[in-house]
Amino acid sequence: MSGFTVPWNEPSRVPLPKHLYVHVPLCRSKCTYCDFFSRADDGSVSHAELVEGTLESLRGWLTPEVRRVPLDTLYIGGGTPTVLGEDLVTLVRELTAILPLAEGAEVTVEANPESLSTELLAGLAEFGVTRVSIGVQSLDDAALALLGRCHDSGAALAAIRDAVSAGLDVSADLIAGIPGVPAESWAESLEAVIAAGAAHVSVYPLTIEAGTPMAEAIAAGQTAAPDEDSVVDAMDAAATLLSGNGFTRYEVANYALPGHESRHNAAYWTGWPYLGIGGGAHGMLSGDQARALGLVPEAELGVARVRYSYAAEPFPMRASTPLTTFETLTVPEALREDAMLGMRMTQGIAAELAELAGVNRALESLVVDGLVVREGGRWRPTERGWLFGNEVFGRIWGAVE
């Protein structure tokens, strides 16, 4: 052996994150409630060009100062990645050629029923995709029309069954508290996605974001606003029904059968760095990674973490400023952030992390209010704490001891 090592495998170099998020900012059409960055797929953006632009974003991180490592998780979200059709298979293939997958890696693609064919599922599975997150949202057709979705309930269930038949793990997204959806219909939606084969269910409350068509319709009196009590009842009903069917709530909005938890999202909540690429994508790097990449000066050793986001453009690398937000966190701030995000999970955080983060007094005050408990050497949220998550997270982030 010559001992030659290619630059990106040089052990002394700082390794890149082992988690990668890719944002595909196209959808068949915009839903009435959505404020994520995406554009309608009206032909103005070439799919092939978008794939190449996304790969260009990834190559921008591959400087000689850092070392590539196999990916533990790859998550392609949006938007609706499946609108790319066969170009999505190309994107997966090329991404994993640049950053190969580790053995047993989790590769997730977000999908909507109207753009998920059996042929596309087969192609994605062939190139390493292991998991599909399907935007079902509801199986009440009137509710789907209110949300501006492009599919009906039958198409959503068919998409879940097709993905399961393709050998993929399936997560179903559902929205709780949609006006006009009776409790019986909500329960039927939950039962139907389970029966179709979803092993992971995400349940989000309907929130009205300023500037969306739904917010405008509510302001004009054309649509009813979500009722807070109904939202809470729907979230409670989901917890009861899913737990009764073997699902474990492992995060405030996420339930899974044993072994089907999202490893990628768990990385977000437990402080692992991740690269984010594509228009509007967010990413997080350690201080060492940011210094090696030249994002912060070598001398700034007090920077423990960097958060960034790309310009909300389909081709952010063509923008005058590709990264539009850039935030540095000190060690105390990064620890508080770890404590705050960790409290999204059922398991909560270790007492040692709370001590290091200096949030014990904040947690004790939350115990008094019934939002947090301490047991078995860990702090964890109560069910009431999940309902008042903003109060829990705000007090932890604001704690300075």
Foldseek 3Di string as FASTA:
>chain_A
DPPDDPLQAPVVAAADFQEEEEEQQEACPAWQFDDAQHHHPPPPDDLLVLLVLQVVQVVLLPDSRYHAAAHQEYEYYYHALLVSPVSSLVSLQVVCVVHPHDVNHAYEHEHELVRADLVSLLSNVVSPHAEYEYEQQFQPQVLCVNRVHPDHNVSRLVNLLSNVVSNHAYEYEYEFQRPPQDPVRLLVRLVSSVVSPHQKYFYHYRDHDPPGNSVVCVVVVNGPDGDPVRRVVSLVVNVVSLVVVQWDAFFLGMTGHPPRDDPNVVCVLQQGWYHYTFAFTKTKDAPSSCCSSVVDPPPPPQFGMKIWTAHSDSNLVPDPDGTDDIDTDGPLLSLLSSQLSQQRTQQHAALVSCVVNQLVVLLVVCVVVQQWDDDPRHIYGDNVVSVVSVSSSVSSNPHDD
